[in-house]
């Protein structure tokens, strides 16, 4: 939620504290507004774009959001450490939005069916946690590309080995990999 300064409008501390008794209460209110907007955006993208494009657009938009809201993120990290249930609720809502986008893309056959939204959310959290890196934006975009490439369902005949067995005959799930050099 962006607040545009206007020259003739002043917010007095008393008014602010009447609605939000603590800084934490204000941060939670802003967070809930942001979560609602992000979840609405996910639904709009899902309704208007092909599923893989909706997912990619949402994840790239999340990087923009993380970049624009670092101050809020630091405040929220403090609240999360204190165990705020209100923030956990927002986190679940965001994860559900990502789950819905991933599930739609899986249903369309655009992404793999063996990755859940929790892994995607972890990548987003990692991007946010690394915001102080000097080349953060380029690296964040690279991580999103890596995530999207990793989610993409690969075609047949690409050397993907879905299952192998270990020496005891137990099936091992393999992620798509090119065949080893030398055809082994």
N, C-alpha and C. Protein backbone atom coordinates (compact mmCIF):
# COMPACT_ATOMS: atom_id res chain seq x y z
N UNK A 1 0.86 -1.16 0.00
CA UNK A 1 0.00 0.00 0.00
C UNK A 1 0.91 1.22 0.00
N UNK A 2 0.85 2.01 -1.06
CA UNK A 2 1.68 3.20 -1.15
C UNK A 2 0.88 4.41 -0.66
N UNK A 3 1.53 5.22 0.11
CA UNK A 3 0.90 6.45 0.60
C UNK A 3 1.59 7.60 -0.09
N UNK A 4 0.82 8.35 -0.86
CA UNK A 4 1.36 9.48 -1.59
C UNK A 4 1.25 10.72 -0.72
N UNK A 5 2.38 11.39 -0.46
CA UNK A 5 2.31 12.60 0.36
C UNK A 5 1.55 13.70 -0.36
N UNK A 6 0.69 14.38 0.37
CA UNK A 6 -0.06 15.50 -0.19
C UNK A 6 0.21 16.70 0.70
N UNK A 7 0.47 17.85 0.11
CA UNK A 7 0.91 19.00 0.89
C UNK A 7 -0.09 19.50 1.92
N UNK A 8 -1.38 19.36 1.69
CA UNK A 8 -2.38 19.92 2.60
C UNK A 8 -2.94 18.90 3.59
N UNK A 9 -2.40 17.70 3.58
CA UNK A 9 -2.91 16.67 4.48
C UNK A 9 -1.83 16.31 5.48
N UNK A 10 -2.21 16.38 6.76
CA UNK A 10 -1.26 16.00 7.81
C UNK A 10 -1.88 14.90 8.65
N UNK A 11 -1.07 13.93 9.01
CA UNK A 11 -1.51 12.88 9.91
C UNK A 11 -0.84 13.13 11.24
N UNK A 12 -1.65 13.29 12.25
CA UNK A 12 -1.10 13.56 13.57
C UNK A 12 -0.87 12.25 14.30
N UNK A 13 0.11 12.25 15.15
CA UNK A 13 0.47 11.06 15.91
C UNK A 13 -0.72 10.52 16.69
N UNK A 14 -1.50 11.39 17.27
CA UNK A 14 -2.67 10.96 18.05
C UNK A 14 -3.67 10.19 17.20
N UNK A 15 -3.90 10.66 15.98
CA UNK A 15 -4.81 9.96 15.07
C UNK A 15 -4.27 8.59 14.72
N UNK A 16 -2.99 8.54 14.45
CA UNK A 16 -2.36 7.27 14.09
C UNK A 16 -2.46 6.27 15.24
N UNK A 17 -2.14 6.72 16.45
CA UNK A 17 -2.17 5.81 17.59
C UNK A 17 -3.59 5.47 18.05
N UNK A 18 -4.56 6.27 17.68
CA UNK A 18 -5.95 5.94 18.01
C UNK A 18 -6.37 4.70 17.21
N UNK A 19 -5.89 4.59 15.98
CA UNK A 19 -6.23 3.45 15.13
C UNK A 19 -5.24 2.29 15.27
N UNK A 20 -4.00 2.61 15.55
CA UNK A 20 -2.94 1.61 15.67
C UNK A 20 -2.15 1.90 16.92
N UNK A 21 -2.47 1.26 18.03
CA UNK A 21 -1.85 1.59 19.32
C UNK A 21 -0.34 1.36 19.37
N UNK A 22 0.17 0.51 18.50
CA UNK A 22 1.62 0.25 18.49
C UNK A 22 2.13 0.25 17.06
N UNK A 23 3.42 0.37 16.94
CA UNK A 23 4.06 0.28 15.62
C UNK A 23 3.79 -1.09 15.00
N UNK A 24 3.78 -2.11 15.85
CA UNK A 24 3.53 -3.46 15.38
C UNK A 24 2.12 -3.60 14.81
N UNK A 25 1.14 -2.97 15.48
CA UNK A 25 -0.25 -3.02 14.99
C UNK A 25 -0.36 -2.34 13.63
N UNK A 26 0.34 -1.24 13.45
CA UNK A 26 0.36 -0.56 12.16
C UNK A 26 1.00 -1.45 11.10
N UNK A 27 2.13 -2.07 11.43
CA UNK A 27 2.82 -2.95 10.48
C UNK A 27 1.92 -4.13 10.09
N UNK A 28 1.21 -4.70 11.06
CA UNK A 28 0.30 -5.81 10.76
C UNK A 28 -0.82 -5.36 9.83
N UNK A 29 -1.36 -4.17 10.06
CA UNK A 29 -2.44 -3.66 9.21
C UNK A 29 -1.94 -3.45 7.78
N UNK A 30 -0.76 -2.87 7.65
CA UNK A 30 -0.18 -2.67 6.32
C UNK A 30 0.05 -4.02 5.66
N UNK A 31 0.60 -4.97 6.42
CA UNK A 31 0.88 -6.30 5.91
C UNK A 31 -0.40 -6.97 5.39
N UNK A 32 -1.48 -6.88 6.16
CA UNK A 32 -2.73 -7.50 5.73
C UNK A 32 -3.23 -6.88 4.43
N UNK A 33 -3.09 -5.57 4.30
CA UNK A 33 -3.47 -4.91 3.05
C UNK A 33 -2.62 -5.37 1.88
N UNK A 34 -1.32 -5.52 2.12
CA UNK A 34 -0.42 -5.98 1.08
C UNK A 34 -0.72 -7.42 0.68
N UNK A 35 -0.96 -8.28 1.66
CA UNK A 35 -1.28 -9.68 1.38
C UNK A 35 -2.56 -9.77 0.56
N UNK A 36 -3.57 -9.01 0.96
CA UNK A 36 -4.84 -9.03 0.22
C UNK A 36 -4.63 -8.60 -1.23
N UNK A 37 -3.83 -7.56 -1.44
CA UNK A 37 -3.56 -7.08 -2.80
C UNK A 37 -2.79 -8.13 -3.61
N UNK A 38 -1.81 -8.78 -2.98
CA UNK A 38 -1.04 -9.81 -3.68
C UNK A 38 -1.91 -11.01 -4.03
N UNK A 39 -2.76 -11.43 -3.11
CA UNK A 39 -3.65 -12.56 -3.38
C UNK A 39 -4.65 -12.21 -4.48
N UNK A 40 -5.17 -10.99 -4.47
CA UNK A 40 -6.07 -10.54 -5.54
C UNK A 40 -5.35 -10.55 -6.88
N UNK A 41 -4.10 -10.09 -6.87
CA UNK A 41 -3.31 -10.07 -8.11
C UNK A 41 -3.12 -11.49 -8.64
N UNK A 42 -2.82 -12.43 -7.75
CA UNK A 42 -2.65 -13.82 -8.17
C UNK A 42 -3.92 -14.34 -8.84
N UNK A 43 -5.08 -14.04 -8.25
CA UNK A 43 -6.36 -14.50 -8.83
C UNK A 43 -6.61 -13.84 -10.19
N UNK A 44 -6.31 -12.54 -10.30
CA UNK A 44 -6.51 -11.85 -11.59
C UNK A 44 -5.60 -12.44 -12.66
N UNK A 45 -4.34 -12.67 -12.31
CA UNK A 45 -3.41 -13.25 -13.28
C UNK A 45 -3.87 -14.64 -13.71
N UNK A 46 -4.32 -15.42 -12.75
CA UNK A 46 -4.78 -16.78 -13.06
C UNK A 46 -6.00 -16.74 -13.98
N UNK A 47 -6.84 -15.73 -13.83
CA UNK A 47 -8.05 -15.62 -14.64
C UNK A 47 -7.79 -15.07 -16.04
N UNK A 48 -6.66 -14.37 -16.22
CA UNK A 48 -6.46 -13.67 -17.49
C UNK A 48 -5.28 -14.14 -18.32
N UNK A 49 -4.38 -14.92 -17.75
CA UNK A 49 -3.18 -15.35 -18.48
C UNK A 49 -3.10 -16.87 -18.54
N UNK A 50 -2.36 -17.40 -19.52
CA UNK A 50 -2.08 -18.83 -19.48
C UNK A 50 -1.38 -19.17 -18.16
N UNK A 51 -1.59 -20.37 -17.67
CA UNK A 51 -1.17 -20.72 -16.31
C UNK A 51 0.31 -20.51 -16.03
N UNK A 52 1.17 -20.96 -16.94
CA UNK A 52 2.61 -20.80 -16.71
C UNK A 52 3.00 -19.32 -16.71
N UNK A 53 2.37 -18.54 -17.59
CA UNK A 53 2.65 -17.11 -17.64
C UNK A 53 2.14 -16.40 -16.39
N UNK A 54 0.98 -16.83 -15.89
CA UNK A 54 0.43 -16.25 -14.66
C UNK A 54 1.39 -16.49 -13.49
N UNK A 55 1.89 -17.71 -13.38
CA UNK A 55 2.83 -18.04 -12.31
C UNK A 55 4.11 -17.22 -12.43
N UNK A 56 4.67 -17.16 -13.63
CA UNK A 56 5.91 -16.40 -13.84
C UNK A 56 5.71 -14.92 -13.55
N UNK A 57 4.61 -14.37 -14.02
CA UNK A 57 4.33 -12.95 -13.80
C UNK A 57 4.17 -12.66 -12.31
N UNK A 58 3.49 -13.55 -11.60
CA UNK A 58 3.30 -13.35 -10.17
C UNK A 58 4.64 -13.41 -9.44
N UNK A 59 5.47 -14.40 -9.74
CA UNK A 59 6.75 -14.53 -9.04
C UNK A 59 7.67 -13.35 -9.33
N UNK A 60 7.71 -12.90 -10.57
CA UNK A 60 8.54 -11.72 -10.89
C UNK A 60 7.98 -10.47 -10.20
N UNK A 61 6.67 -10.38 -10.10
CA UNK A 61 6.05 -9.28 -9.37
C UNK A 61 6.36 -9.33 -7.88
N UNK A 62 6.50 -10.54 -7.35
CA UNK A 62 6.88 -10.68 -5.94
C UNK A 62 8.27 -10.11 -5.69
N UNK A 63 9.18 -10.28 -6.65
CA UNK A 63 10.52 -9.70 -6.51
C UNK A 63 10.40 -8.18 -6.47
N UNK A 64 9.58 -7.61 -7.33
CA UNK A 64 9.35 -6.16 -7.29
C UNK A 64 8.79 -5.74 -5.94
N UNK A 65 7.84 -6.52 -5.44
CA UNK A 65 7.22 -6.22 -4.15
C UNK A 65 8.23 -6.30 -3.01
N UNK A 66 9.04 -7.33 -3.01
CA UNK A 66 10.07 -7.48 -1.98
C UNK A 66 11.02 -6.29 -2.01
N UNK A 67 11.41 -5.88 -3.20
CA UNK A 67 12.33 -4.76 -3.34
C UNK A 67 11.72 -3.47 -2.81
N UNK A 68 10.46 -3.25 -3.11
CA UNK A 68 9.80 -2.00 -2.72
C UNK A 68 9.43 -1.94 -1.24
N UNK A 69 9.40 -3.08 -0.57
CA UNK A 69 8.90 -3.11 0.81
C UNK A 69 9.91 -3.66 1.81
N UNK A 70 11.17 -3.37 1.64
CA UNK A 70 12.19 -3.90 2.55
C UNK A 70 12.04 -3.40 3.97
N UNK A 71 11.65 -2.15 4.15
CA UNK A 71 11.47 -1.61 5.50
C UNK A 71 10.37 -2.36 6.24
N UNK A 72 9.27 -2.60 5.55
CA UNK A 72 8.17 -3.37 6.14
C UNK A 72 8.64 -4.79 6.44
N UNK A 73 9.42 -5.36 5.54
CA UNK A 73 9.90 -6.74 5.75
C UNK A 73 10.74 -6.85 7.02
N UNK A 74 11.58 -5.87 7.27
CA UNK A 74 12.41 -5.91 8.49
C UNK A 74 11.53 -5.83 9.75
N UNK A 75 10.53 -4.96 9.72
CA UNK A 75 9.62 -4.86 10.86
C UNK A 75 8.85 -6.16 11.04
N UNK A 76 8.40 -6.74 9.94
CA UNK A 76 7.64 -7.98 10.02
C UNK A 76 8.50 -9.14 10.52
N UNK A 77 9.77 -9.15 10.15
CA UNK A 77 10.67 -10.21 10.63
C UNK A 77 10.75 -10.19 12.15
N UNK A 78 10.77 -9.01 12.72
CA UNK A 78 10.79 -8.88 14.18
C UNK A 78 9.49 -9.42 14.77
N UNK A 79 8.37 -9.10 14.13
CA UNK A 79 7.08 -9.58 14.61
C UNK A 79 6.96 -11.10 14.48
N UNK A 80 7.48 -11.64 13.39
CA UNK A 80 7.43 -13.09 13.19
C UNK A 80 8.22 -13.80 14.28
N UNK A 81 9.36 -13.22 14.64
CA UNK A 81 10.18 -13.81 15.70
C UNK A 81 9.42 -13.83 17.02
N UNK A 82 8.53 -12.86 17.20
CA UNK A 82 7.72 -12.79 18.42
C UNK A 82 6.51 -13.71 18.34
N UNK A 83 6.30 -14.35 17.19
CA UNK A 83 5.21 -15.32 17.07
C UNK A 83 3.84 -14.72 16.79
N UNK A 84 3.77 -13.69 15.97
CA UNK A 84 2.49 -13.07 15.66
C UNK A 84 1.62 -14.02 14.83
N UNK A 85 0.47 -14.39 15.38
CA UNK A 85 -0.47 -15.24 14.66
C UNK A 85 -1.07 -14.56 13.45
N UNK A 86 -1.22 -13.25 13.53
CA UNK A 86 -1.77 -12.50 12.40
C UNK A 86 -0.86 -12.59 11.19
N UNK A 87 0.43 -12.59 11.41
CA UNK A 87 1.37 -12.69 10.29
C UNK A 87 1.39 -14.10 9.72
N UNK A 88 1.24 -15.09 10.57
CA UNK A 88 1.19 -16.47 10.09
C UNK A 88 -0.02 -16.67 9.18
N UNK A 89 -1.12 -16.04 9.52
CA UNK A 89 -2.33 -16.12 8.69
C UNK A 89 -2.08 -15.53 7.30
N UNK A 90 -1.41 -14.40 7.25
CA UNK A 90 -1.08 -13.78 5.97
C UNK A 90 -0.13 -14.64 5.16
N UNK A 91 0.83 -15.25 5.83
CA UNK A 91 1.77 -16.14 5.16
C UNK A 91 1.04 -17.33 4.54
N UNK A 92 0.07 -17.87 5.27
CA UNK A 92 -0.72 -18.99 4.74
C UNK A 92 -1.53 -18.55 3.52
N UNK A 93 -2.08 -17.35 3.56
CA UNK A 93 -2.86 -16.85 2.43
C UNK A 93 -1.98 -16.69 1.19
N UNK A 94 -0.77 -16.16 1.37
CA UNK A 94 0.14 -16.03 0.24
C UNK A 94 0.55 -17.40 -0.30
N UNK A 95 0.84 -18.32 0.60
CA UNK A 95 1.21 -19.66 0.14
C UNK A 95 0.05 -20.31 -0.61
N UNK A 96 -1.18 -20.06 -0.17
CA UNK A 96 -2.34 -20.61 -0.88
C UNK A 96 -2.45 -20.01 -2.28
N UNK A 97 -2.17 -18.71 -2.40
CA UNK A 97 -2.20 -18.07 -3.72
C UNK A 97 -1.18 -18.71 -4.65
N UNK A 98 0.04 -18.95 -4.13
CA UNK A 98 1.07 -19.61 -4.94
C UNK A 98 0.66 -21.05 -5.23
N UNK A 99 0.09 -21.74 -4.25
CA UNK A 99 -0.38 -23.11 -4.44
C UNK A 99 -1.40 -23.17 -5.58
N UNK A 100 -2.33 -22.23 -5.61
CA UNK A 100 -3.34 -22.20 -6.66
C UNK A 100 -2.71 -21.98 -8.04
N UNK A 101 -1.74 -21.07 -8.11
CA UNK A 101 -1.06 -20.82 -9.39
C UNK A 101 -0.29 -22.05 -9.85
N UNK A 102 0.45 -22.68 -8.93
CA UNK A 102 1.22 -23.88 -9.28
C UNK A 102 0.27 -25.01 -9.69
N UNK A 103 -0.80 -25.22 -8.92
CA UNK A 103 -1.74 -26.30 -9.22
C UNK A 103 -2.38 -26.12 -10.60
N UNK A 104 -2.72 -24.90 -10.95
CA UNK A 104 -3.31 -24.64 -12.27
C UNK A 104 -2.31 -24.95 -13.37
N UNK A 105 -1.05 -24.58 -13.16
CA UNK A 105 -0.02 -24.85 -14.16
C UNK A 105 0.27 -26.35 -14.26
N UNK A 106 0.22 -27.06 -13.14
CA UNK A 106 0.38 -28.52 -13.15
C UNK A 106 -0.76 -29.15 -13.93
N UNK A 107 -1.98 -28.70 -13.65
CA UNK A 107 -3.16 -29.25 -14.33
C UNK A 107 -3.05 -29.06 -15.84
N UNK A 108 -2.52 -27.94 -16.27
CA UNK A 108 -2.33 -27.67 -17.70
C UNK A 108 -1.14 -28.42 -18.29
N UNK A 109 -0.34 -29.05 -17.43
CA UNK A 109 0.84 -29.75 -17.92
C UNK A 109 2.02 -28.83 -18.18
N UNK A 110 1.94 -27.59 -17.70
CA UNK A 110 3.00 -26.62 -17.94
C UNK A 110 4.16 -26.75 -16.96
N UNK A 111 3.88 -27.26 -15.76
CA UNK A 111 4.95 -27.43 -14.78
C UNK A 111 4.89 -28.83 -14.19
N UNK A 112 6.00 -29.23 -13.60
CA UNK A 112 6.12 -30.55 -12.98
C UNK A 112 5.10 -30.70 -11.86
N UNK A 113 4.74 -31.94 -11.61
CA UNK A 113 3.75 -32.20 -10.56
C UNK A 113 4.39 -32.64 -9.24
N UNK A 114 5.71 -32.61 -9.16
CA UNK A 114 6.39 -33.10 -7.95
C UNK A 114 6.99 -32.00 -7.10
N UNK A 115 6.61 -30.76 -7.36
CA UNK A 115 7.10 -29.63 -6.57
C UNK A 115 5.89 -28.91 -5.99
N UNK A 116 5.96 -28.62 -4.70
CA UNK A 116 4.83 -27.91 -4.11
C UNK A 116 5.15 -26.44 -3.92
N UNK A 117 4.13 -25.69 -3.59
CA UNK A 117 4.27 -24.24 -3.45
C UNK A 117 5.19 -23.87 -2.29
N UNK A 118 5.32 -24.73 -1.30
CA UNK A 118 6.22 -24.43 -0.18
C UNK A 118 7.65 -24.21 -0.64
N UNK A 119 8.10 -25.00 -1.60
CA UNK A 119 9.46 -24.82 -2.13
C UNK A 119 9.59 -23.49 -2.85
N UNK A 120 8.56 -23.10 -3.58
CA UNK A 120 8.57 -21.81 -4.27
C UNK A 120 8.59 -20.68 -3.25
N UNK A 121 7.80 -20.81 -2.19
CA UNK A 121 7.79 -19.79 -1.13
C UNK A 121 9.15 -19.69 -0.46
N UNK A 122 9.82 -20.82 -0.26
CA UNK A 122 11.16 -20.77 0.35
C UNK A 122 12.12 -19.98 -0.53
N UNK A 123 12.01 -20.16 -1.84
CA UNK A 123 12.87 -19.39 -2.75
C UNK A 123 12.58 -17.90 -2.61
N UNK A 124 11.30 -17.53 -2.51
CA UNK A 124 10.95 -16.12 -2.33
C UNK A 124 11.47 -15.58 -1.00
N UNK A 125 11.37 -16.38 0.05
CA UNK A 125 11.91 -15.95 1.35
C UNK A 125 13.43 -15.76 1.27
N UNK A 126 14.10 -16.66 0.58
CA UNK A 126 15.55 -16.53 0.42
C UNK A 126 15.91 -15.26 -0.34
N UNK A 127 15.14 -14.95 -1.36
CA UNK A 127 15.38 -13.72 -2.12
C UNK A 127 15.25 -12.51 -1.19
N UNK A 128 14.20 -12.50 -0.39
CA UNK A 128 14.00 -11.38 0.54
C UNK A 128 15.10 -11.28 1.58
N UNK A 129 15.54 -12.42 2.09
CA UNK A 129 16.57 -12.43 3.13
C UNK A 129 17.92 -11.94 2.61
N UNK A 130 18.14 -12.07 1.31
CA UNK A 130 19.43 -11.68 0.73
C UNK A 130 19.41 -10.27 0.16
N UNK A 131 18.43 -9.47 0.51
CA UNK A 131 18.24 -8.15 -0.11
C UNK A 131 19.45 -7.22 0.04
N UNK A 132 20.28 -7.42 1.02
CA UNK A 132 21.43 -6.53 1.23
C UNK A 132 22.61 -6.82 0.30
N UNK A 133 22.51 -7.84 -0.52
CA UNK A 133 23.61 -8.16 -1.45
C UNK A 133 23.75 -7.06 -2.49
N UNK A 134 24.98 -6.73 -2.89
CA UNK A 134 25.19 -5.62 -3.84
C UNK A 134 24.49 -5.81 -5.19
N UNK A 135 24.45 -7.02 -5.70
CA UNK A 135 23.82 -7.26 -7.00
C UNK A 135 22.47 -7.95 -6.82
N UNK A 136 21.76 -7.55 -5.76
CA UNK A 136 20.53 -8.24 -5.37
C UNK A 136 19.53 -8.38 -6.50
N UNK A 137 19.23 -7.30 -7.19
CA UNK A 137 18.16 -7.37 -8.20
C UNK A 137 18.48 -8.37 -9.30
N UNK A 138 19.68 -8.32 -9.83
CA UNK A 138 20.06 -9.26 -10.89
C UNK A 138 20.04 -10.69 -10.36
N UNK A 139 20.54 -10.88 -9.15
CA UNK A 139 20.55 -12.22 -8.57
C UNK A 139 19.14 -12.70 -8.28
N UNK A 140 18.28 -11.82 -7.80
CA UNK A 140 16.89 -12.20 -7.52
C UNK A 140 16.18 -12.61 -8.80
N UNK A 141 16.38 -11.85 -9.86
CA UNK A 141 15.80 -12.21 -11.15
C UNK A 141 16.33 -13.56 -11.62
N UNK A 142 17.62 -13.80 -11.37
CA UNK A 142 18.22 -15.08 -11.73
C UNK A 142 17.64 -16.24 -10.94
N UNK A 143 17.38 -16.02 -9.66
CA UNK A 143 16.77 -17.08 -8.84
C UNK A 143 15.36 -17.39 -9.34
N UNK A 144 14.60 -16.37 -9.69
CA UNK A 144 13.25 -16.61 -10.21
C UNK A 144 13.32 -17.39 -11.52
N UNK A 145 14.26 -17.03 -12.38
CA UNK A 145 14.44 -17.78 -13.63
C UNK A 145 14.81 -19.23 -13.33
N UNK A 146 15.69 -19.43 -12.36
CA UNK A 146 16.08 -20.78 -11.95
C UNK A 146 14.86 -21.56 -11.44
N UNK A 147 14.05 -20.94 -10.61
CA UNK A 147 12.85 -21.59 -10.08
C UNK A 147 11.90 -21.94 -11.23
N UNK A 148 11.66 -20.99 -12.12
CA UNK A 148 10.74 -21.25 -13.23
C UNK A 148 11.27 -22.34 -14.15
N UNK A 149 12.57 -22.32 -14.43
CA UNK A 149 13.17 -23.38 -15.24
C UNK A 149 13.04 -24.73 -14.54
N UNK A 150 13.23 -24.74 -13.24
CA UNK A 150 13.12 -25.98 -12.48
C UNK A 150 11.70 -26.51 -12.41
N UNK A 151 10.73 -25.63 -12.46
CA UNK A 151 9.33 -26.05 -12.42
C UNK A 151 8.84 -26.56 -13.77
N UNK A 152 9.47 -26.08 -14.83
CA UNK A 152 8.99 -26.40 -16.17
C UNK A 152 9.03 -27.90 -16.42
N UNK A 153 7.96 -28.37 -16.97
CA UNK A 153 7.87 -29.79 -17.33
C UNK A 153 8.71 -29.99 -18.57
N UNK A 154 9.60 -30.96 -18.53
CA UNK A 154 10.46 -31.19 -19.68
C UNK A 154 9.80 -32.17 -20.64
N UNK A 155 10.17 -32.06 -21.90
CA UNK A 155 9.61 -32.94 -22.93
C UNK A 155 10.24 -34.31 -22.88
N UNK A 156 9.66 -35.22 -23.61
CA UNK A 156 10.21 -36.58 -23.64
C UNK A 156 11.47 -36.61 -24.48
N UNK A 157 12.31 -37.58 -24.20
CA UNK A 157 13.53 -37.74 -24.96
C UNK A 157 14.62 -36.76 -24.60
N UNK A 158 14.56 -36.14 -23.45
CA UNK A 158 15.57 -35.15 -23.07
C UNK A 158 16.61 -35.72 -22.13
N UNK A 159 16.60 -37.02 -21.95
CA UNK A 159 17.57 -37.61 -21.05
C UNK A 159 17.12 -37.60 -19.61
N UNK A 160 15.88 -37.24 -19.36
CA UNK A 160 15.38 -37.19 -17.99
C UNK A 160 15.23 -38.60 -17.46
N UNK A 161 15.78 -38.83 -16.29
CA UNK A 161 15.65 -40.11 -15.64
C UNK A 161 14.77 -39.92 -14.43
N UNK A 162 13.51 -40.29 -14.57
CA UNK A 162 12.56 -40.04 -13.49
C UNK A 162 12.85 -40.88 -12.26
N UNK A 163 13.11 -42.15 -12.45
CA UNK A 163 13.34 -43.03 -11.30
C UNK A 163 14.53 -43.93 -11.58
N UNK A 164 15.32 -44.14 -10.58
CA UNK A 164 16.40 -45.12 -10.62
C UNK A 164 16.30 -45.89 -9.33
N UNK A 165 17.08 -46.93 -9.21
CA UNK A 165 17.09 -47.69 -7.98
C UNK A 165 18.46 -47.65 -7.36
N UNK A 166 18.49 -47.64 -6.03
CA UNK A 166 19.77 -47.74 -5.35
C UNK A 166 20.17 -49.21 -5.26
N UNK A 167 21.28 -49.49 -4.60
CA UNK A 167 21.79 -50.86 -4.55
C UNK A 167 20.83 -51.82 -3.84
N UNK A 168 19.94 -51.32 -3.01
CA UNK A 168 18.98 -52.17 -2.32
C UNK A 168 17.68 -52.32 -3.12
N UNK A 169 17.61 -51.71 -4.30
CA UNK A 169 16.42 -51.81 -5.13
C UNK A 169 15.35 -50.80 -4.80
N UNK A 170 15.65 -49.83 -3.94
CA UNK A 170 14.69 -48.80 -3.56
C UNK A 170 14.63 -47.74 -4.66
N UNK A 171 13.41 -47.42 -5.07
CA UNK A 171 13.25 -46.40 -6.11
C UNK A 171 13.68 -45.04 -5.58
N UNK A 172 14.47 -44.34 -6.37
CA UNK A 172 14.92 -42.99 -6.02
C UNK A 172 14.30 -42.02 -6.99
N UNK A 173 13.70 -40.97 -6.50
CA UNK A 173 13.14 -39.93 -7.35
C UNK A 173 14.29 -39.06 -7.82
N UNK A 174 14.38 -38.83 -9.10
CA UNK A 174 15.44 -38.00 -9.67
C UNK A 174 14.83 -36.76 -10.28
N UNK A 175 15.51 -35.67 -10.11
CA UNK A 175 15.12 -34.44 -10.78
C UNK A 175 15.65 -34.50 -12.20
N UNK A 176 15.02 -33.77 -13.13
CA UNK A 176 15.48 -33.81 -14.51
C UNK A 176 16.95 -33.40 -14.60
N UNK A 177 17.74 -34.26 -15.17
CA UNK A 177 19.17 -34.01 -15.36
C UNK A 177 19.55 -34.48 -16.75
N UNK A 178 20.53 -33.85 -17.35
CA UNK A 178 21.02 -34.38 -18.61
C UNK A 178 21.73 -35.71 -18.34
N UNK A 179 21.83 -36.57 -19.35
CA UNK A 179 22.55 -37.82 -19.13
C UNK A 179 24.01 -37.53 -18.81
N UNK A 180 24.66 -38.40 -18.05
CA UNK A 180 26.07 -38.18 -17.72
C UNK A 180 26.92 -38.15 -18.98
N UNK A 181 28.03 -37.45 -18.92
CA UNK A 181 28.96 -37.38 -20.05
C UNK A 181 29.46 -38.78 -20.37
N UNK A 182 29.61 -39.08 -21.63
CA UNK A 182 30.11 -40.39 -22.03
C UNK A 182 29.03 -41.45 -22.06
N UNK A 183 27.76 -41.05 -21.90
CA UNK A 183 26.65 -41.98 -22.02
C UNK A 183 26.51 -42.98 -20.90
N UNK A 184 27.11 -42.75 -19.75
CA UNK A 184 27.03 -43.70 -18.64
C UNK A 184 25.76 -43.55 -17.87
